[in-house]
Protein backbone atom coordinates (compact mmCIF):
# COMPACT_ATOMS: atom_id res chain seq x y z
CA MET A 1 -32.61 43.73 -31.68
CA HIS A 2 -29.72 43.84 -34.20
CA SER A 3 -31.24 41.79 -36.02
CA SER A 4 -33.92 1.39 -42.73
CA LYS A 5 -35.40 -1.74 -42.58
CA HIS A 6 -34.98 -3.96 -39.59
CA GLN A 7 -33.91 -7.51 -40.53
CA GLY A 8 -33.50 -10.65 -38.46
CA VAL A 9 -35.80 -9.54 -35.64
CA PRO A 10 -36.92 -12.62 -33.68
CA ARG A 11 -40.70 -13.15 -33.46
CA THR A 12 -41.11 -13.42 -29.72
CA ARG A 13 -43.70 -12.04 -27.34
CA VAL A 14 -42.90 -8.69 -25.75
CA SER A 15 -44.38 -7.47 -22.48
CA ALA A 16 -46.41 -4.28 -22.40
CA VAL A 17 -43.83 -2.50 -20.20
CA VAL A 18 -40.98 -3.38 -22.56
CA LEU A 19 -43.11 -2.34 -25.54
CA VAL A 20 -43.80 1.05 -23.99
CA SER A 21 -40.09 1.48 -23.21
CA ILE A 22 -39.17 0.66 -26.79
CA CYS A 23 -41.76 3.15 -28.09
CA MET A 24 -40.49 5.90 -25.79
CA LEU A 25 -36.90 5.21 -26.84
CA THR A 26 -37.94 5.33 -30.48
CA ILE A 27 -39.65 8.70 -29.97
CA GLN A 28 -36.55 10.07 -28.23
CA LEU A 29 -34.31 8.87 -31.06
CA VAL A 30 -36.59 10.43 -33.67
CA ARG A 31 -36.62 13.72 -31.78
CA ALA A 32 -32.82 13.64 -31.45
CA GLN A 33 -32.59 13.22 -35.20
CA THR A 34 -35.14 15.87 -36.13
CA ASP A 35 -34.71 18.60 -33.50
CA PRO A 36 -32.28 21.37 -34.44
CA PRO A 37 -28.90 21.17 -32.72
CA ARG A 38 -28.72 23.12 -29.47
CA ASP A 39 -25.85 25.32 -30.63
CA GLY A 40 -25.41 29.07 -30.56
CA ARG A 41 -27.57 29.56 -33.62
CA TYR A 42 -30.40 27.56 -32.04
CA TYR A 43 -30.45 29.72 -28.94
CA GLU A 44 -30.18 32.90 -30.98
CA ALA A 45 -33.26 31.82 -32.99
CA GLN A 46 -35.11 31.13 -29.73
CA ALA A 47 -34.07 34.54 -28.47
CA ARG A 48 -35.40 36.24 -31.58
CA GLN A 49 -38.77 34.52 -31.12
CA ALA A 50 -38.89 35.60 -27.49
CA TYR A 51 -38.00 39.19 -28.42
CA ALA A 52 -40.78 39.32 -31.04
CA ALA A 53 -43.24 38.05 -28.40
CA LYS A 54 -41.92 40.62 -25.90
CA ASP A 55 -40.96 37.75 -23.57
CA TYR A 56 -37.87 39.59 -22.34
CA PRO A 57 -36.82 37.13 -19.57
CA SER A 58 -36.76 34.35 -22.16
CA PHE A 59 -34.98 36.70 -24.57
CA LEU A 60 -32.21 37.24 -22.00
CA LEU A 61 -31.94 33.54 -21.08
CA ASN A 62 -31.52 32.44 -24.69
CA MET A 63 -29.23 35.29 -25.66
CA THR A 64 -26.98 34.44 -22.69
CA LYS A 65 -26.72 30.83 -23.88
CA ALA A 66 -26.07 31.93 -27.48
CA ALA A 67 -23.31 34.32 -26.43
CA GLU A 68 -21.68 31.70 -24.17
CA LEU A 69 -21.55 29.22 -27.03
CA ARG A 70 -20.24 31.79 -29.55
CA PRO A 71 -17.99 34.08 -27.46
CA ASN A 72 -16.65 37.35 -28.86
CA HIS A 73 -19.40 37.46 -31.50
CA PRO A 74 -20.24 41.15 -31.96
CA ARG A 75 -23.88 40.70 -32.92
CA LEU A 76 -24.53 38.41 -29.98
CA ILE A 77 -22.75 40.72 -27.54
CA TYR A 78 -24.86 43.62 -28.77
CA ASN A 79 -28.15 41.72 -28.63
CA LEU A 80 -27.27 40.43 -25.17
CA SER A 81 -26.79 44.07 -24.14
CA VAL A 82 -30.26 44.82 -25.47
CA ALA A 83 -31.63 41.88 -23.49
CA TYR A 84 -29.96 43.14 -20.32
CA VAL A 85 -31.39 46.62 -20.63
CA LEU A 86 -34.88 45.26 -21.37
CA ASN A 87 -34.63 43.28 -18.16
CA GLY A 88 -33.62 46.25 -16.04
CA ARG A 89 -29.89 45.48 -15.87
CA PRO A 90 -28.28 48.54 -17.51
CA ASP A 91 -24.81 48.11 -15.97
CA GLU A 92 -24.39 44.73 -17.65
CA ALA A 93 -25.80 46.17 -20.87
CA PHE A 94 -23.28 49.01 -20.86
CA GLY A 95 -20.47 46.59 -20.09
CA GLY A 96 -21.22 44.70 -23.30
CA LEU A 97 -21.40 47.91 -25.32
CA GLU A 98 -18.08 49.15 -23.90
CA ARG A 99 -16.54 45.81 -24.88
CA LEU A 100 -17.76 46.26 -28.48
CA ALA A 101 -16.37 49.79 -28.59
CA ALA A 102 -13.02 48.51 -27.33
CA MET A 103 -13.03 46.00 -30.24
CA GLY A 104 -12.96 49.00 -32.58
CA LEU A 105 -16.46 48.31 -33.86
CA VAL A 106 -19.48 50.47 -34.67
CA MET A 107 -22.95 49.37 -33.63
CA PRO A 108 -26.43 50.92 -34.25
CA LEU A 109 -26.79 52.21 -30.69
CA ALA A 110 -27.74 55.78 -31.53
CA ARG A 111 -31.04 54.73 -33.14
CA ASP A 112 -31.88 51.82 -30.86
CA GLU A 113 -35.05 52.66 -28.90
CA SER A 114 -34.28 49.97 -26.33
CA PHE A 115 -31.82 52.44 -24.77
CA SER A 116 -34.04 55.54 -25.01
CA ALA A 117 -34.26 55.92 -21.22
CA PHE A 118 -30.47 56.21 -20.94
CA ARG A 119 -29.68 58.71 -23.70
CA GLU A 120 -28.77 61.44 -21.23
CA SER A 121 -26.55 59.29 -19.03
CA SER A 122 -22.84 60.07 -19.17
CA ARG A 123 -21.91 56.41 -19.64
CA PHE A 124 -24.23 56.09 -22.61
CA LYS A 125 -22.79 59.25 -24.17
CA GLU A 126 -19.26 58.00 -23.67
CA ILE A 127 -20.08 54.76 -25.46
CA LEU A 128 -21.65 56.67 -28.37
CA ALA A 129 -18.53 58.82 -28.59
CA ALA A 130 -16.35 55.72 -28.66
CA PHE A 131 -18.40 54.26 -31.52
CA ASP A 132 -18.01 57.57 -33.38
CA ARG A 133 -14.24 57.46 -32.91
CA ASN A 134 -14.26 53.97 -34.43
CA LYS A 135 -15.65 55.52 -37.64
CA ALA A 136 -12.40 57.36 -38.32
CA ASN A 137 -10.17 56.48 -41.29
CA THR A 138 -7.36 54.39 -39.80
CA GLY A 139 -4.08 53.46 -41.45
CA GLU A 140 -2.14 54.74 -44.41
CA ALA A 141 -3.26 52.55 -47.31
CA THR A 142 -2.44 54.01 -50.72
CA GLU A 143 -3.67 53.16 -54.19
CA ALA A 144 -1.36 50.60 -55.83
CA LEU A 145 -3.17 49.96 -59.10
CA THR A 146 -6.48 50.22 -60.90
CA PHE A 147 -7.77 49.61 -64.40
CA LYS A 148 -10.86 50.43 -66.40
CA GLU A 149 -13.50 47.71 -66.13
CA LYS A 150 -16.62 48.04 -64.05
CA GLY A 151 -18.90 45.22 -62.93
CA LEU A 152 -16.24 42.62 -62.22
CA ILE A 153 -17.14 41.92 -58.59
CA SER A 154 -13.42 41.38 -58.11
CA GLU A 155 -12.49 38.87 -55.45
CA GLY A 156 -8.92 37.50 -55.59
CA LEU A 157 -5.47 38.97 -56.11
CA ALA A 158 -2.23 37.19 -56.98
CA TYR A 159 1.27 38.32 -57.91
CA ASP A 160 3.99 36.85 -60.17
CA SER A 161 7.36 37.91 -58.74
CA LYS A 162 9.21 36.93 -61.93
CA THR A 163 7.29 39.23 -64.26
CA GLY A 164 5.85 41.82 -61.87
CA SER A 165 2.33 41.03 -63.07
CA TYR A 166 -0.78 41.04 -60.89
CA PHE A 167 -3.87 38.87 -61.44
CA VAL A 168 -7.35 39.99 -60.43
CA SER A 169 -10.26 37.52 -60.42
CA SER A 170 -13.84 38.35 -61.33
CA VAL A 171 -16.86 36.62 -59.82
CA HIS A 172 -19.47 38.17 -62.11
CA LYS A 173 -17.64 38.09 -65.44
CA ARG A 174 -16.06 34.66 -64.82
CA LYS A 175 -12.54 35.66 -65.76
CA ILE A 176 -9.07 36.64 -64.59
CA ILE A 177 -7.38 39.86 -65.61
CA ARG A 178 -3.61 40.18 -65.81
CA VAL A 179 -2.14 43.62 -65.08
CA ASN A 180 1.49 43.79 -66.20
CA LYS A 181 4.21 45.84 -64.54
CA ASP A 182 3.42 48.76 -66.83
CA GLY A 183 -0.20 48.79 -65.65
CA LYS A 184 -1.71 47.37 -68.84
CA ALA A 185 -4.69 45.10 -68.19
CA SER A 186 -5.78 42.18 -70.39
CA ASP A 187 -7.85 39.03 -70.03
CA PHE A 188 -5.74 36.08 -68.88
CA ALA A 189 -8.50 33.40 -68.54
CA THR A 190 -12.23 33.44 -69.30
CA ALA A 191 -15.43 31.41 -69.11
CA GLU A 192 -14.55 29.90 -72.47
CA GLN A 193 -12.10 27.72 -70.56
CA GLY A 194 -14.89 26.50 -68.31
CA LEU A 195 -14.17 28.96 -65.51
CA TRP A 196 -17.06 29.76 -63.21
CA ALA A 197 -16.95 32.62 -60.74
CA ALA A 198 -13.24 33.17 -60.09
CA ASN A 199 -12.36 33.44 -56.42
CA GLY A 200 -9.04 33.10 -54.57
CA MET A 201 -5.80 32.59 -56.52
CA LYS A 202 -2.14 31.84 -55.91
CA VAL A 203 0.87 32.04 -58.23
CA ASP A 204 3.37 29.18 -58.13
CA ALA A 205 6.28 31.22 -59.47
CA GLU A 206 8.71 28.30 -59.45
CA ARG A 207 6.47 25.94 -61.43
CA ARG A 208 5.06 28.80 -63.54
CA CYS A 209 1.38 28.19 -62.97
CA LEU A 210 -1.61 30.01 -61.50
CA TRP A 211 -4.03 28.12 -59.24
CA VAL A 212 -7.61 29.44 -59.11
CA ALA A 213 -10.52 28.49 -56.88
CA SER A 214 -13.77 28.67 -58.84
CA ALA A 215 -17.44 27.95 -58.14
CA ALA A 216 -20.75 28.06 -59.99
CA MET A 217 -22.54 30.93 -58.26
CA SER A 218 -25.78 32.73 -59.05
CA GLN A 219 -23.95 36.10 -59.15
CA MET A 220 -22.00 35.13 -62.28
CA VAL A 221 -23.13 35.67 -65.87
CA ASP A 222 -24.71 32.71 -67.64
CA PHE A 223 -25.37 30.87 -64.39
CA ARG A 224 -27.06 27.49 -64.84
CA GLU A 225 -29.09 26.03 -62.00
CA ALA A 226 -27.92 22.50 -62.95
CA GLU A 227 -24.38 23.56 -62.02
CA ASN A 228 -25.37 25.16 -58.73
CA GLY A 229 -22.94 23.82 -56.13
CA PHE A 230 -20.27 22.73 -58.61
CA SER A 231 -16.81 23.96 -57.72
CA GLY A 232 -13.17 23.26 -58.48
CA ILE A 233 -9.54 24.26 -58.73
CA PHE A 234 -8.25 25.42 -62.13
CA LYS A 235 -4.57 25.27 -63.05
CA PHE A 236 -3.32 27.69 -65.69
CA ASP A 237 0.05 28.07 -67.42
CA LEU A 238 1.43 31.47 -66.39
CA PRO A 239 3.23 32.45 -69.62
CA THR A 240 0.34 31.58 -71.98
CA GLY A 241 -2.86 31.47 -69.91
CA ARG A 242 -3.50 27.94 -71.23
CA LEU A 243 -5.68 25.79 -69.01
CA LEU A 244 -3.56 22.85 -67.80
CA LYS A 245 -6.07 20.94 -65.68
CA LYS A 246 -9.36 21.14 -63.80
CA TYR A 247 -9.98 19.43 -60.44
CA LEU A 248 -13.73 19.39 -59.86
CA LEU A 249 -16.36 18.73 -57.18
CA ASP A 250 -19.94 18.15 -58.36
CA ASN A 251 -23.12 18.79 -56.38
CA HIS A 252 -24.25 15.15 -55.99
CA ASP A 253 -23.15 14.85 -52.37
CA GLY A 254 -23.86 18.49 -51.47
CA LYS A 255 -23.09 21.92 -52.80
CA HIS A 256 -19.60 23.35 -52.73
CA VAL A 257 -17.92 26.74 -52.95
CA LEU A 258 -14.13 26.58 -53.07
CA GLY A 259 -13.35 30.16 -52.23
CA ASP A 260 -9.67 30.47 -51.37
CA LEU A 261 -6.45 28.47 -51.47
CA THR A 262 -2.80 28.44 -50.52
CA LEU A 263 0.35 26.56 -51.58
CA SER A 264 3.07 24.71 -49.75
CA THR A 265 6.65 24.99 -50.95
CA ASN A 266 6.56 21.45 -52.41
CA GLY A 267 3.61 22.39 -54.64
CA ASP A 268 0.69 21.00 -52.63
CA VAL A 269 -2.52 23.06 -52.97
CA PHE A 270 -4.93 23.49 -50.06
CA ALA A 271 -8.39 24.99 -50.59
CA THR A 272 -11.37 25.86 -48.40
CA ASP A 273 -15.01 24.96 -49.07
CA SER A 274 -17.23 27.51 -47.37
CA LEU A 275 -20.55 25.86 -48.22
CA SER A 276 -19.92 22.23 -47.24
CA PRO A 277 -17.37 23.20 -44.61
CA ALA A 278 -14.06 21.48 -45.29
CA ILE A 279 -10.48 21.80 -46.51
CA TYR A 280 -9.38 20.03 -49.70
CA VAL A 281 -5.90 19.25 -50.98
CA ILE A 282 -4.18 18.50 -54.29
CA ARG A 283 -0.95 16.66 -53.46
CA HIS A 284 1.79 17.27 -55.99
CA HIS A 285 2.56 13.53 -56.21
CA THR A 286 -1.05 12.34 -56.66
CA ASP A 287 -2.37 15.30 -58.67
CA ARG A 288 -6.00 14.84 -57.63
CA LEU A 289 -8.42 16.78 -55.46
CA GLU A 290 -9.01 15.05 -52.13
CA LEU A 291 -10.64 15.86 -48.82
CA PHE A 292 -7.98 16.95 -46.33
CA MET A 293 -10.19 17.48 -43.30
CA THR A 294 -13.49 18.65 -41.91
CA ALA A 295 -14.54 19.29 -38.33
CA ALA A 296 -17.63 20.02 -36.30
CA GLN A 297 -16.16 23.41 -35.42
CA PHE A 298 -16.10 24.52 -39.07
CA SER A 299 -18.96 26.67 -40.29
CA SER A 300 -17.62 28.74 -43.21
CA PRO A 301 -13.91 28.17 -43.95
CA GLN A 302 -12.27 31.04 -45.80
CA GLY A 303 -8.58 32.12 -45.95
CA LEU A 304 -5.62 29.78 -45.53
CA ALA A 305 -1.98 30.55 -44.76
CA PHE A 306 1.07 28.48 -43.89
CA SER A 307 3.56 29.52 -41.24
CA ALA A 308 7.01 30.22 -42.60
CA ASP A 309 8.29 26.79 -41.52
CA GLU A 310 5.04 25.15 -42.72
CA LYS A 311 4.57 23.44 -39.35
CA TRP A 312 1.14 25.13 -39.10
CA LEU A 313 -1.66 25.76 -41.55
CA PHE A 314 -3.85 28.61 -40.36
CA MET A 315 -7.48 28.95 -41.38
CA ALA A 316 -10.01 31.73 -40.95
CA ASP A 317 -13.58 30.54 -40.49
CA TYR A 318 -16.08 33.34 -41.07
CA GLY A 319 -18.41 32.23 -38.28
CA SER A 320 -16.07 30.29 -35.96
CA GLY A 321 -12.86 32.27 -35.86
CA LEU A 322 -9.24 31.24 -36.35
CA PHE A 323 -7.76 27.76 -36.34
CA ALA A 324 -4.24 26.33 -36.40
CA ILE A 325 -3.85 22.93 -38.05
CA ASP A 326 -0.85 20.61 -37.97
CA PRO A 327 -0.65 19.57 -41.65
CA GLN A 328 1.04 16.28 -40.72
CA THR A 329 -1.18 15.03 -37.89
CA ARG A 330 -4.26 17.17 -38.73
CA GLU A 331 -4.46 18.24 -35.12
CA LEU A 332 -6.87 21.19 -34.89
CA ARG A 333 -6.42 24.06 -32.47
CA SER A 334 -8.90 26.87 -32.00
CA ILE A 335 -7.09 30.21 -31.57
CA SER A 336 -8.92 32.07 -28.82
CA PRO A 337 -8.97 35.89 -28.73
CA PRO A 338 -9.05 37.96 -25.53
CA PRO A 339 -12.46 39.34 -24.44
CA ARG A 340 -12.04 42.67 -26.26
CA VAL A 341 -10.97 41.22 -29.60
CA THR A 342 -13.03 39.48 -32.28
CA VAL A 343 -11.50 37.37 -35.06
CA LEU A 344 -14.81 36.47 -36.70
CA GLY A 345 -15.69 37.66 -40.21
CA ILE A 346 -12.16 37.25 -41.60
CA ASP A 347 -12.06 36.55 -45.36
CA GLY A 348 -8.47 36.68 -46.64
CA LEU A 349 -5.71 35.38 -44.36
CA TYR A 350 -1.91 35.74 -44.73
CA PHE A 351 1.22 34.99 -42.67
CA TYR A 352 3.91 37.63 -42.13
CA LYS A 353 6.84 37.50 -39.72
CA GLY A 354 5.09 35.33 -37.16
CA ASP A 355 1.74 37.19 -37.35
CA LEU A 356 -1.44 36.78 -39.33
CA ILE A 357 -2.78 39.49 -41.63
CA GLY A 358 -6.52 39.31 -42.06
CA VAL A 359 -9.10 41.09 -44.23
CA GLN A 360 -12.00 41.28 -41.79
CA ASN A 361 -15.01 42.22 -43.91
CA GLY A 362 -17.61 40.59 -41.67
CA VAL A 363 -17.61 43.34 -39.04
CA ASN A 364 -18.42 47.03 -39.00
CA PRO A 365 -16.22 48.77 -39.90
CA GLN A 366 -14.59 46.44 -42.42
CA ARG A 367 -10.84 46.45 -41.90
CA VAL A 368 -7.41 44.91 -42.34
CA VAL A 369 -5.89 43.60 -39.11
CA ARG A 370 -2.64 42.16 -37.82
CA ILE A 371 -2.92 39.31 -35.32
CA GLY A 372 -0.12 38.15 -33.02
CA LEU A 373 -0.19 34.54 -31.82
CA SER A 374 0.93 32.80 -28.66
CA ALA A 375 3.80 30.32 -28.89
CA ASP A 376 1.45 27.33 -28.65
CA LYS A 377 -0.87 28.78 -31.35
CA ARG A 378 -3.87 28.57 -29.03
CA SER A 379 -4.54 32.24 -28.39
CA VAL A 380 -4.26 35.74 -29.80
CA SER A 381 -1.45 37.64 -28.11
CA ASP A 382 -1.74 40.95 -29.96
CA PHE A 383 -4.28 42.61 -32.25
CA LYS A 384 -3.79 45.74 -34.32
CA ILE A 385 -6.07 47.47 -36.83
CA LEU A 386 -3.96 48.34 -39.88
CA CYS A 387 -6.66 49.97 -42.00
CA ALA A 388 -10.35 50.76 -41.47
CA ASN A 389 -12.96 53.13 -42.91
CA HIS A 390 -10.88 53.87 -46.01
CA PRO A 391 -12.93 56.03 -48.40
CA LEU A 392 -12.32 53.54 -51.24
CA PHE A 393 -13.57 50.54 -49.26
CA ASP A 394 -16.55 48.73 -50.74
CA GLU A 395 -16.17 45.28 -49.18
CA PRO A 396 -12.44 44.53 -49.31
CA THR A 397 -11.75 40.86 -49.98
CA LEU A 398 -8.47 39.05 -50.75
CA GLY A 399 -4.86 40.13 -51.19
CA VAL A 400 -1.21 39.19 -51.45
CA ILE A 401 1.98 40.06 -49.60
CA VAL A 402 4.69 41.51 -51.84
CA ASP A 403 7.95 42.17 -50.07
CA SER A 404 6.99 44.15 -46.99
CA HIS A 405 3.64 45.38 -48.31
CA PHE A 406 0.12 43.95 -48.22
CA LEU A 407 -1.90 44.59 -51.38
CA PHE A 408 -5.61 43.77 -51.45
CA VAL A 409 -8.84 44.25 -53.36
CA ALA A 410 -10.40 47.30 -51.75
CA ASN A 411 -13.72 47.51 -53.54
CA SER A 412 -15.11 44.13 -54.61
CA GLN A 413 -18.58 45.75 -54.61
CA TRP A 414 -20.28 42.51 -53.54
CA GLY A 415 -23.10 44.55 -52.06
CA LYS A 416 -24.00 45.98 -55.45
CA ILE A 417 -24.90 42.68 -57.14
CA SER A 418 -28.13 40.83 -56.48
CA ASP A 419 -28.40 37.12 -55.75
CA ASP A 420 -29.64 36.56 -59.31
CA GLY A 421 -26.59 38.27 -60.80
CA LYS A 422 -28.11 41.67 -61.62
CA LEU A 423 -25.87 44.74 -61.46
CA PRO A 424 -27.02 48.34 -60.95
CA PRO A 425 -26.53 50.98 -63.67
CA GLU A 426 -22.89 51.51 -64.63
CA GLU A 427 -22.73 54.96 -63.04
CA GLN A 428 -23.28 53.30 -59.65
CA LEU A 429 -20.25 51.03 -60.14
CA ARG A 430 -16.54 51.79 -59.82
CA ASP A 431 -13.40 50.44 -61.44
CA PRO A 432 -11.50 47.95 -59.31
CA VAL A 433 -8.92 49.40 -56.92
CA ILE A 434 -6.03 47.63 -55.27
CA LEU A 435 -4.72 49.29 -52.09
CA LYS A 436 -1.29 48.85 -50.51
CA LEU A 437 -0.25 48.86 -46.86
CA LYS A 438 3.26 48.90 -45.43
CA LEU A 439 3.65 46.08 -42.95
């Protein structure tokens, strides 16, 4: 398998039957408070236990429930296929695998012993061939810029249309690099200004400032455990790099990671918290960081993007998919994909001519996609892979739309840094590369 004290209680006599009923109710309430929620993750965990115990009927039952609660989830579709084949239902197993292949994905089918009895079947071979085709380099992304500095773990990208400068954020080195229109790179902001790991960024070209989402993360240099879960938005002056203001969240009510942000035309800043799932806002007239909204459907909020008329704020949730939010009423709509499309695992999210551009690094292969939306913003109407399997990919992350092109960090190299912030030898690292796609 892919792997309180009660006060004011009157002192009266209580019958034995009533006492037993109260005790049973108390036990039920305690269980309701302590048992894990019966969501998709719960049933997936139950399925894993059943698989380990070779209880394949229970494996299938729980995987079916998990997949129903988290539809279009590639891992769950694959593991449900395994469950089907282990229960003697190969047609249903192959149906799930064909669905994954149609999504443009690659799964570890070739080495999965659960399917060993079917390796010579024509249907199995056709599915393997489809997965192989999905490994092909797709799209015509070209190198837009690079500069000499290894070990950044580069995450965000922003662009200043007035100067032609790009800004690249570093998680590990806690800084932001400015690359001018001549390609010269220099430090724009550093940890000396209090910056933690630098994540998503946006340029406010009109007000001449750079907004940066930052978080204290163990992958950054000089990480301090006392700051674990601190996060904030940093506002820098574009011409000078001077820090103008910090808007901070501490870890007293839970840990936070503000990872990405977007701007409205009036200067409001919206940012996602992927760790304590929520969206925050800095209103231009209040100038303070406030909770905008949270919802039970949120699991790991990531990219944000306004529609051109700003009637909708779109959000990519890594584990729950795409959402459309009315910024005035805060109405939340889940955007449902068709059966052979997955919109999970999207990191960066951008709006272009009515569609969404997403950097989908939570699937295999990692890719850049274009997503058409229905008029009511409740479903995906079209889905196109713009770039996948590029030879320079090493976990692409965030980007920016410049004119009719999408530029994005191609090789963040997140997989090369350990959870305690250790990097491999320099020869195993590469300089940051920004790729460009014509939209």
